Protein backbone atom coordinates (compact mmCIF):
# COMPACT_ATOMS: atom_id res chain seq x y z
CA MET A 1 -11.41 -20.46 7.94
CA TYR A 2 -10.76 -17.01 9.35
CA ASP A 3 -13.39 -14.43 10.15
CA LEU A 4 -11.12 -11.73 8.77
CA ILE A 5 -7.79 -11.54 6.97
CA ILE A 6 -6.03 -8.19 6.62
CA ILE A 7 -3.55 -7.75 3.78
CA GLY A 8 -0.87 -5.32 4.90
CA ALA A 9 0.48 -4.69 8.41
CA GLY A 10 1.14 -0.97 8.34
CA SER A 11 -0.59 1.46 10.68
CA GLY A 12 -3.97 0.61 9.13
CA GLY A 13 -3.63 -3.15 8.88
CA TYR A 14 -2.19 -3.39 12.38
CA ALA A 15 -5.06 -1.37 13.87
CA ALA A 16 -7.63 -3.42 11.95
CA ALA A 17 -6.15 -6.69 13.22
CA LEU A 18 -6.27 -5.57 16.84
CA ALA A 19 -9.81 -4.23 16.49
CA ALA A 20 -11.07 -7.46 14.95
CA ALA A 21 -9.35 -9.60 17.56
CA ARG A 22 -10.84 -7.54 20.38
CA LEU A 23 -14.27 -8.13 18.87
CA GLY A 24 -13.68 -11.88 19.05
CA GLY A 25 -12.99 -12.52 15.37
CA LYS A 26 -10.49 -15.15 14.29
CA THR A 27 -7.99 -12.87 12.57
CA ALA A 28 -4.83 -13.04 10.49
CA VAL A 29 -2.66 -10.31 8.99
CA VAL A 30 -0.43 -10.75 5.93
CA GLU A 31 2.69 -8.66 5.35
CA ALA A 32 5.23 -8.93 2.54
CA ALA A 33 7.80 -6.57 4.06
CA ASP A 34 8.34 -4.95 7.47
CA LEU A 35 5.71 -4.79 10.17
CA GLY A 36 4.66 -1.18 10.58
CA GLY A 37 4.65 -0.32 6.89
CA THR A 38 5.65 3.07 5.56
CA CYS A 39 4.60 4.99 8.67
CA VAL A 40 6.89 3.23 11.11
CA ASN A 41 9.77 2.40 8.82
CA ARG A 42 9.97 5.07 6.11
CA GLY A 43 7.54 7.86 6.98
CA CYS A 44 5.87 9.30 10.06
CA ILE A 45 8.16 8.03 12.80
CA PRO A 46 11.56 8.49 11.09
CA SER A 47 10.61 11.95 9.87
CA LYS A 48 9.59 13.10 13.36
CA ILE A 49 13.02 12.15 14.67
CA TRP A 50 14.55 14.41 12.02
CA VAL A 51 12.02 17.12 12.90
CA ARG A 52 13.17 16.90 16.52
CA ALA A 53 16.79 17.28 15.42
CA ALA A 54 15.78 20.35 13.44
CA GLU A 55 13.91 21.78 16.45
CA LEU A 56 17.00 21.42 18.63
CA ARG A 57 19.17 23.12 16.02
CA ARG A 58 16.67 25.97 15.64
CA GLY A 59 16.65 26.37 19.42
CA LEU A 60 20.39 26.95 19.45
CA GLU A 61 20.18 29.41 16.58
CA HIS A 62 17.47 31.51 18.24
CA GLY A 63 18.60 31.16 21.84
CA GLY A 64 20.34 34.52 21.84
CA GLU A 65 16.98 36.27 21.77
CA PHE A 66 16.39 34.84 25.26
CA GLY A 67 19.91 35.40 26.57
CA VAL A 68 21.05 31.85 25.87
CA ASN A 69 24.19 32.13 23.77
CA ALA A 70 25.34 28.78 22.42
CA GLU A 71 27.02 27.55 19.28
CA LEU A 72 26.42 24.42 17.26
CA LYS A 73 29.73 22.56 17.31
CA SER A 74 28.65 19.87 14.86
CA PHE A 75 25.73 17.93 13.50
CA ASP A 76 26.08 14.21 12.82
CA PRO A 77 23.32 12.97 10.48
CA GLN A 78 24.37 9.37 11.04
CA LYS A 79 23.69 9.71 14.76
CA ALA A 80 20.16 10.83 13.99
CA ALA A 81 19.82 8.00 11.45
CA ALA A 82 20.92 5.51 14.12
CA ARG A 83 18.18 6.81 16.39
CA VAL A 84 15.71 6.26 13.57
CA GLN A 85 16.76 2.63 13.32
CA GLY A 86 16.57 2.10 17.06
CA VAL A 87 13.15 3.68 17.52
CA THR A 88 11.57 1.96 14.52
CA SER A 89 12.94 -1.39 15.68
CA ASP A 90 11.45 -0.88 19.14
CA ILE A 91 8.07 0.03 17.66
CA ARG A 92 8.06 -3.04 15.41
CA MET A 93 8.81 -5.29 18.38
CA GLY A 94 6.00 -3.68 20.34
CA MET A 95 3.56 -4.16 17.46
CA GLU A 96 4.56 -7.81 17.12
CA ALA A 97 4.00 -8.37 20.82
CA MET A 98 0.58 -6.69 20.67
CA LEU A 99 -0.54 -8.86 17.74
CA GLN A 100 0.65 -12.02 19.47
CA GLY A 101 -1.03 -11.02 22.70
CA ALA A 102 -4.31 -10.44 20.86
CA GLY A 103 -4.14 -13.87 19.22
CA VAL A 104 -3.68 -12.55 15.68
CA ASP A 105 -1.92 -14.91 13.26
CA PHE A 106 0.90 -13.31 11.29
CA ILE A 107 1.49 -14.57 7.74
CA ALA A 108 4.70 -13.45 6.03
CA GLY A 109 4.63 -13.01 2.27
CA LYS A 110 2.77 -11.38 -0.60
CA ALA A 111 -0.93 -12.16 -0.88
CA ARG A 112 -2.88 -12.66 -4.08
CA PHE A 113 -6.57 -13.48 -4.35
CA ASP A 114 -7.53 -16.81 -5.90
CA ASN A 115 -11.16 -15.70 -5.62
CA PRO A 116 -13.02 -13.18 -3.41
CA GLY A 117 -13.00 -15.61 -0.51
CA GLN A 118 -9.46 -17.03 -0.70
CA ILE A 119 -5.88 -15.81 -0.97
CA SER A 120 -2.58 -17.53 -1.61
CA VAL A 121 0.63 -16.63 0.20
CA GLN A 122 3.91 -18.42 -0.50
CA GLY A 123 2.05 -21.31 -2.11
CA ARG A 124 -0.43 -21.77 0.75
CA SER A 125 -4.13 -20.96 0.60
CA TYR A 126 -6.11 -19.13 3.28
CA GLN A 127 -9.86 -18.57 3.39
CA ALA A 128 -11.82 -15.91 5.22
CA LYS A 129 -15.36 -14.62 5.50
CA ALA A 130 -14.08 -11.08 4.86
CA PHE A 131 -10.89 -9.27 3.89
CA ILE A 132 -9.42 -5.82 4.44
CA ILE A 133 -6.87 -4.55 1.92
CA ALA A 134 -4.34 -2.26 3.57
CA THR A 135 -1.43 -2.47 1.15
CA GLY A 136 -0.55 1.21 1.40
CA SER A 137 1.28 3.18 -1.25
CA LYS A 138 4.63 3.28 -3.03
CA PRO A 139 6.89 5.99 -4.48
CA GLN A 140 6.20 6.97 -8.06
CA PRO A 141 8.43 9.81 -9.24
CA PRO A 142 7.31 11.80 -12.28
CA ASP A 143 8.55 10.96 -15.77
CA ILE A 144 11.00 13.83 -16.37
CA ALA A 145 13.92 13.68 -18.78
CA GLY A 146 17.23 13.15 -16.96
CA LEU A 147 15.66 12.91 -13.51
CA GLY A 148 16.86 9.37 -12.75
CA LYS A 149 20.49 10.12 -11.87
CA ALA A 150 19.60 13.27 -9.92
CA LEU A 151 16.79 11.71 -7.91
CA ILE A 152 17.24 11.00 -4.22
CA SER A 153 14.58 8.97 -2.43
CA SER A 154 12.93 9.97 0.81
CA ASP A 155 14.22 6.67 2.20
CA ALA A 156 17.81 7.78 1.53
CA VAL A 157 17.21 11.15 3.18
CA LEU A 158 15.66 9.54 6.25
CA ALA A 159 18.68 7.21 6.40
CA GLY A 160 20.96 10.23 6.82
CA GLU A 161 21.95 11.15 3.26
CA LEU A 162 21.58 14.95 3.39
CA PRO A 163 22.69 16.82 0.25
CA VAL A 164 24.21 20.31 0.44
CA SER A 165 21.47 21.64 -1.83
CA LEU A 166 18.18 20.11 -2.87
CA LEU A 167 15.30 20.83 -5.21
CA VAL A 168 12.11 19.48 -3.65
CA TYR A 169 9.54 19.12 -6.42
CA GLY A 170 5.88 18.95 -5.46
CA ALA A 171 3.19 20.76 -3.51
CA GLY A 172 1.91 18.08 -1.13
CA TYR A 173 2.24 17.29 2.57
CA ILE A 174 5.41 15.20 2.28
CA GLU A 175 7.22 17.68 0.05
CA VAL A 176 6.44 20.70 2.22
CA GLU A 177 7.27 18.99 5.51
CA MET A 178 10.57 17.53 4.30
CA ALA A 179 11.59 20.79 2.67
CA SER A 180 10.97 22.63 5.95
CA TRP A 181 12.97 20.41 8.30
CA LEU A 182 15.77 19.82 5.81
CA ALA A 183 16.19 23.59 5.51
CA ALA A 184 16.25 23.85 9.31
CA LEU A 185 19.11 21.32 9.31
CA GLY A 186 21.16 23.48 6.96
CA VAL A 187 20.30 22.08 3.53
CA GLU A 188 19.84 24.76 0.86
CA ILE A 189 16.25 24.15 -0.25
CA THR A 190 14.21 25.21 -3.25
CA LEU A 191 10.60 24.04 -3.11
CA ALA A 192 9.03 24.13 -6.57
CA CYS A 193 5.63 22.95 -7.76
CA PRO A 194 3.47 23.22 -10.89
CA GLU A 195 0.42 24.14 -8.83
CA ARG A 196 -0.43 27.78 -8.18
CA ARG A 197 0.15 27.27 -4.45
CA ILE A 198 1.54 24.71 -2.06
CA LEU A 199 -0.94 22.39 -0.35
CA PRO A 200 -3.55 23.02 -3.06
CA SER A 201 -6.22 20.92 -1.32
CA GLU A 202 -6.02 23.09 1.80
CA ASP A 203 -7.58 26.47 2.50
CA PRO A 204 -5.89 29.22 0.42
CA ASP A 205 -5.22 31.29 3.55
CA THR A 206 -3.35 28.33 5.02
CA SER A 207 -1.19 27.99 1.92
CA GLN A 208 -0.32 31.67 1.83
CA ARG A 209 0.51 31.80 5.55
CA LEU A 210 2.75 28.79 5.27
CA ILE A 211 4.52 30.08 2.15
CA ALA A 212 5.27 33.34 3.97
CA ALA A 213 6.67 31.43 6.96
CA LEU A 214 8.79 29.12 4.80
CA ARG A 215 10.30 32.06 2.94
CA LYS A 216 11.02 33.84 6.21
CA ASN A 217 12.85 30.68 7.29
CA GLY A 218 15.12 30.91 4.26
CA LEU A 219 13.49 28.56 1.76
CA THR A 220 13.03 29.50 -1.86
CA VAL A 221 9.43 28.70 -2.83
CA LEU A 222 8.47 28.67 -6.51
CA THR A 223 4.85 28.05 -7.49
CA GLY A 224 3.34 27.60 -10.93
CA VAL A 225 6.54 26.18 -12.44
CA GLU A 226 7.15 22.73 -13.88
CA LEU A 227 10.38 20.77 -13.75
CA GLN A 228 10.88 20.00 -17.43
CA ALA A 229 14.30 18.33 -17.55
CA VAL A 230 17.41 17.63 -15.51
CA LYS A 231 20.99 17.59 -16.78
CA PRO A 232 24.47 17.40 -15.23
CA GLY A 233 25.45 20.78 -13.84
CA ARG A 234 28.24 22.64 -12.08
CA GLU A 235 26.86 21.94 -8.59
CA GLY A 236 25.40 18.53 -9.25
CA PHE A 237 22.51 18.97 -11.63
CA GLY A 238 20.89 21.70 -13.64
CA CYS A 239 17.12 21.70 -13.25
CA LEU A 240 15.33 23.30 -16.19
CA LEU A 241 12.09 24.98 -15.15
CA SER A 242 9.12 26.04 -17.24
CA ASN A 243 9.71 29.72 -16.41
CA GLY A 244 12.90 29.56 -18.45
CA SER A 245 15.32 29.46 -15.52
CA GLU A 246 17.89 26.81 -14.67
CA LEU A 247 18.29 25.92 -11.01
CA GLN A 248 21.44 24.25 -9.71
CA ALA A 249 21.04 21.58 -7.03
CA GLU A 250 23.07 18.64 -5.80
CA ARG A 251 20.03 16.33 -5.89
CA VAL A 252 16.28 16.33 -6.59
CA LEU A 253 13.62 14.97 -4.24
CA CYS A 254 10.19 13.96 -5.62
CA PRO A 255 8.51 11.97 -2.81
CA VAL A 256 5.09 11.63 -4.46
CA ARG A 257 3.33 8.34 -3.75
CA ARG A 258 0.64 6.29 -5.51
CA PRO A 259 -1.78 3.65 -4.15
CA ASN A 260 -0.34 0.14 -4.09
CA SER A 261 -3.53 -1.27 -5.59
CA LYS A 262 -2.23 -3.55 -8.33
CA GLY A 263 -1.12 -7.17 -8.26
CA LEU A 264 -3.91 -8.35 -5.95
CA GLY A 265 -5.57 -10.54 -8.57
CA LEU A 266 -8.99 -8.94 -8.12
CA GLY A 267 -9.37 -7.25 -11.49
CA GLU A 268 -11.16 -10.20 -13.03
CA PHE A 269 -13.60 -10.26 -10.11
CA GLY A 270 -14.76 -6.69 -10.63
CA LEU A 271 -12.57 -4.62 -8.32
CA LYS A 272 -13.07 -0.95 -9.23
CA LEU A 273 -10.44 1.77 -8.90
CA ASN A 274 -11.03 5.50 -8.49
CA ARG A 275 -9.46 8.34 -10.46
CA ASN A 276 -6.37 8.24 -8.22
CA GLN A 277 -5.91 4.53 -9.04
CA GLY A 278 -6.87 3.70 -5.49
CA ILE A 279 -9.47 1.10 -4.57
CA ALA A 280 -12.94 2.64 -4.76
CA ILE A 281 -14.91 2.25 -1.52
CA ASN A 282 -18.39 3.09 -0.26
CA PRO A 283 -19.15 4.95 3.01
CA ARG A 284 -18.81 1.63 4.87
CA LEU A 285 -15.28 1.25 3.41
CA GLU A 286 -16.33 -1.76 1.35
CA SER A 287 -14.97 -2.16 -2.17
CA SER A 288 -17.01 -3.03 -5.26
CA ILE A 289 -16.61 -6.69 -4.26
CA PRO A 290 -18.86 -7.62 -1.30
CA GLY A 291 -16.91 -8.69 1.77
CA ILE A 292 -13.66 -7.02 0.68
CA TYR A 293 -12.85 -3.72 2.37
CA ALA A 294 -10.02 -1.25 1.78
CA ILE A 295 -8.42 1.36 4.03
CA GLY A 296 -5.65 3.93 4.04
CA ASP A 297 -3.27 4.84 1.24
CA VAL A 298 -4.47 2.09 -1.07
CA THR A 299 -7.77 3.98 -1.42
CA GLY A 300 -6.02 7.17 -2.58
CA GLY A 301 -6.98 10.41 -0.89
CA ARG A 302 -4.61 12.32 1.35
CA MET A 303 -2.61 9.24 2.42
CA LEU A 304 -2.36 9.98 6.14
CA SER A 305 -1.42 7.38 8.73
CA ASN A 306 -4.06 8.54 11.21
CA GLU A 307 -6.69 8.24 8.49
CA ALA A 308 -5.68 4.62 7.86
CA ALA A 309 -5.72 3.76 11.57
CA PHE A 310 -9.22 5.12 12.13
CA MET A 311 -10.57 3.65 8.90
CA ALA A 312 -9.17 0.35 10.18
CA VAL A 313 -11.44 0.21 13.21
CA TYR A 314 -14.56 1.02 11.17
CA ALA A 315 -13.65 -1.51 8.48
CA ALA A 316 -12.95 -4.26 11.04
CA GLU A 317 -16.26 -3.67 12.78
CA ASN A 318 -18.15 -3.64 9.48
CA ALA A 319 -16.37 -6.77 8.27
CA LEU A 320 -17.63 -8.51 11.40
CA GLY A 321 -21.23 -7.42 10.94
CA ALA A 322 -21.62 -3.73 11.84
CA GLU A 323 -23.06 -1.07 9.51
CA HIS A 324 -21.01 2.02 10.35
CA GLU A 325 -20.33 4.84 7.91
CA PHE A 326 -16.90 6.42 8.20
CA PRO A 327 -16.85 10.15 9.08
CA PHE A 328 -14.49 11.36 6.37
CA ASN A 329 -15.17 14.99 7.34
CA GLN A 330 -13.50 14.42 10.72
CA ILE A 331 -10.10 13.30 9.44
CA PRO A 332 -7.43 15.69 10.71
CA ARG A 333 -4.46 16.37 8.46
CA GLY A 334 -1.24 18.16 9.22
CA ILE A 335 2.48 18.54 8.69
CA TRP A 336 5.35 19.10 11.08
CA SER A 337 6.84 22.04 9.22
CA PHE A 338 8.20 25.22 10.83
CA PRO A 339 5.61 26.38 11.76
CA GLN A 340 3.25 23.42 11.77
CA MET A 341 0.07 23.23 9.68
CA ALA A 342 -3.06 21.31 10.57
CA ALA A 343 -6.68 21.27 9.43
CA VAL A 344 -9.93 19.35 9.68
CA GLY A 345 -13.25 19.62 7.88
CA LEU A 346 -14.14 21.91 5.01
CA THR A 347 -12.14 24.76 3.57
CA GLU A 348 -13.96 28.03 2.92
CA ASP A 349 -14.16 27.25 -0.81
CA GLU A 350 -15.42 23.71 -0.22
CA ALA A 351 -18.14 24.93 2.13
CA GLU A 352 -19.36 27.45 -0.43
CA GLU A 353 -19.29 24.82 -3.18
CA GLN A 354 -21.53 22.63 -1.02
CA GLY A 355 -24.09 25.39 -0.79
CA TYR A 356 -23.43 26.76 2.69
CA GLU A 357 -23.69 30.43 3.49
CA VAL A 358 -20.29 30.76 5.06
CA GLU A 359 -18.84 32.89 7.82
CA THR A 360 -15.22 32.72 8.91
CA GLY A 361 -13.22 33.84 11.90
CA ASP A 362 -9.48 34.42 12.19
CA PHE A 363 -7.06 35.03 15.01
CA PRO A 364 -3.39 35.76 14.29
CA LEU A 365 -0.83 34.18 16.60
CA ALA A 366 1.14 37.41 16.44
CA ILE A 367 -1.17 38.69 19.22
CA ASN A 368 -1.42 35.44 21.20
CA GLY A 369 0.31 35.93 24.55
CA LEU A 370 2.24 32.66 24.63
CA ALA A 371 3.28 32.94 21.00
CA MET A 372 4.59 36.46 21.66
CA ALA A 373 6.46 35.30 24.77
CA ARG A 374 8.08 32.43 22.89
CA ASP A 375 8.70 34.41 19.69
CA GLU A 376 6.53 31.96 17.72
CA GLY A 377 3.97 34.32 16.28
CA LEU A 378 3.95 33.12 12.68
CA GLY A 379 0.52 31.78 11.71
CA ALA A 380 -3.13 31.99 12.66
CA VAL A 381 -6.28 30.01 13.44
CA LYS A 382 -9.15 30.13 10.95
CA ILE A 383 -12.61 28.71 11.59
CA VAL A 384 -15.16 28.07 8.85
CA SER A 385 -18.82 27.99 9.91
CA GLU A 386 -22.28 28.15 8.37
CA SER A 387 -24.15 31.33 9.13
CA LYS A 388 -27.68 30.09 9.97
CA TYR A 389 -26.88 28.10 13.10
CA GLY A 390 -23.17 28.79 13.45
CA GLU A 391 -22.14 25.14 13.15
CA VAL A 392 -18.38 24.65 12.83
CA LEU A 393 -17.56 23.22 9.39
CA GLY A 394 -13.78 23.37 9.43
CA MET A 395 -10.72 24.54 11.33
CA HIS A 396 -7.38 25.54 9.81
CA LEU A 397 -4.22 26.27 11.76
CA VAL A 398 -0.72 27.46 10.96
CA GLY A 399 1.54 27.85 13.96
CA PRO A 400 3.26 26.11 16.87
CA GLN A 401 1.62 22.90 18.10
CA ALA A 402 -0.96 23.03 15.30
CA CYS A 403 -0.93 19.23 14.98
CA GLU A 404 -1.88 18.94 18.67
CA LEU A 405 -4.41 21.78 18.63
CA ILE A 406 -6.33 20.37 15.67
CA GLY A 407 -7.86 17.88 18.09
CA GLU A 408 -10.08 20.77 19.19
CA GLY A 409 -11.39 21.03 15.65
CA VAL A 410 -12.04 17.30 15.46
CA ALA A 411 -13.98 17.43 18.73
CA ALA A 412 -15.98 20.40 17.45
CA LEU A 413 -17.00 18.54 14.30
CA GLN A 414 -17.69 15.31 16.16
CA GLY A 415 -19.91 17.12 18.66
CA GLU A 416 -21.50 19.34 15.99
CA LEU A 417 -20.56 22.41 18.02
CA THR A 418 -21.47 25.94 17.03
CA VAL A 419 -18.96 28.78 17.06
CA SER A 420 -20.83 30.25 20.06
CA GLU A 421 -20.31 27.04 22.03
CA LEU A 422 -16.66 26.85 20.98
CA ALA A 423 -16.16 30.51 21.97
CA LYS A 424 -17.39 29.79 25.51
CA GLY A 425 -14.95 26.95 26.13
CA MET A 426 -12.42 27.95 28.78
CA ARG A 427 -8.68 27.51 28.26
CA MET A 428 -5.59 27.95 30.37
CA HIS A 429 -3.67 31.21 30.01
CA PRO A 430 -1.28 31.75 28.42
CA THR A 431 -1.65 28.95 25.86
CA PHE A 432 -1.72 28.58 22.11
CA SER A 433 -5.18 27.05 22.49
CA GLU A 434 -6.59 30.46 23.41
CA ALA A 435 -6.28 31.32 19.71
CA VAL A 436 -8.98 28.72 18.99
CA PHE A 437 -11.70 30.37 21.07
CA GLU A 438 -10.53 33.80 19.90
CA ALA A 439 -11.09 32.71 16.29
CA ALA A 440 -14.52 31.36 17.29
CA ARG A 441 -15.33 34.66 18.97
CA ASP A 442 -14.33 36.47 15.79
CA VAL A 443 -17.25 34.66 14.12
CA ALA A 444 -19.77 34.46 16.95
CA TRP A 445 -19.34 38.01 18.17
CA ALA A 446 -19.09 39.68 14.77
């Protein structure tokens, strides 16, 4: 009998297993595929290696502005793909060693519940006092006529298969990030989405700033258009759009993902799903079945690796007897586009919908000293606050190092800081972080 069994050993399941073991619980983790899940093997880590390749290429292209004149002799995608394989392998070995060192049992295979207190894996039964489901998500491309032959998976792209031209269809984090770094590596990119703007769940100012930056970087961005059909074309495939145009592209990328919530055998025991077909959870991350928790992509939502990893710790502690509520408002989200985007907390619209009297502050990076010196002035910092006390409700960044700087926003929400307190925090000069207190001053000193 285990104290806790975690189903899935991605970034969430792995973190949950270590947290439970450190608390003294007898713990096992079940994994049907590769340790590390999507993040390590087919998502976060591989994509950041490609982002780094794109950064190096961009550096060569813009070096002349600083007197560094160099030419790109060649780019070998397979060399980058080999680095992906090497790094992901090293991370998996490190994760395996950490689990072994913590005394966590690893069970290989696909788990299915016999009842809420027992699972079967490869014909063997395992019992536990509590379970955490961390089965992640899986690709689910849209049902579009003729798409099948044109479709290229994100896995294939990350393995080094870079088309000459590509239609990226979708408005989410994965679509925007991949479109950005693929364009920086020389792929002719059209980013199209049926939504009125990219990143529709983010602050509208963020979306508009990022669209402007992407277009300046050479991407074609089409919003409010649907991909209706795909047919063989003169350059690969003809993509028929709802605005009446036909776009030619060698391949089509639709990396949308859906919660991997089916096949667990819990339907007959009352497991409830939410509108995204993810497992419905309460503030303690417990499902509709007592003693069974769920974290990460399988719950739907924004499907971010850092979200899964932090949910993991809360779920493990609660499964072993704690009563913690997860701070969903403090989850940072971001993408490694050019420039980066990151945010935490409420958008301006969300704050108003929740009844706050809202005040906002902005500071454009075009007048930040370091950004000017480095010629990286695209973007801005926006802070959303409530007017009565000045409490920070959200922070939204577009610009260099946004995914690092958003930690300031997380700390502000965690500490319930006001814009006046944030405005008084000293920073080094010149730094990008100065834009954070300048945006706070724009609110506090208005």
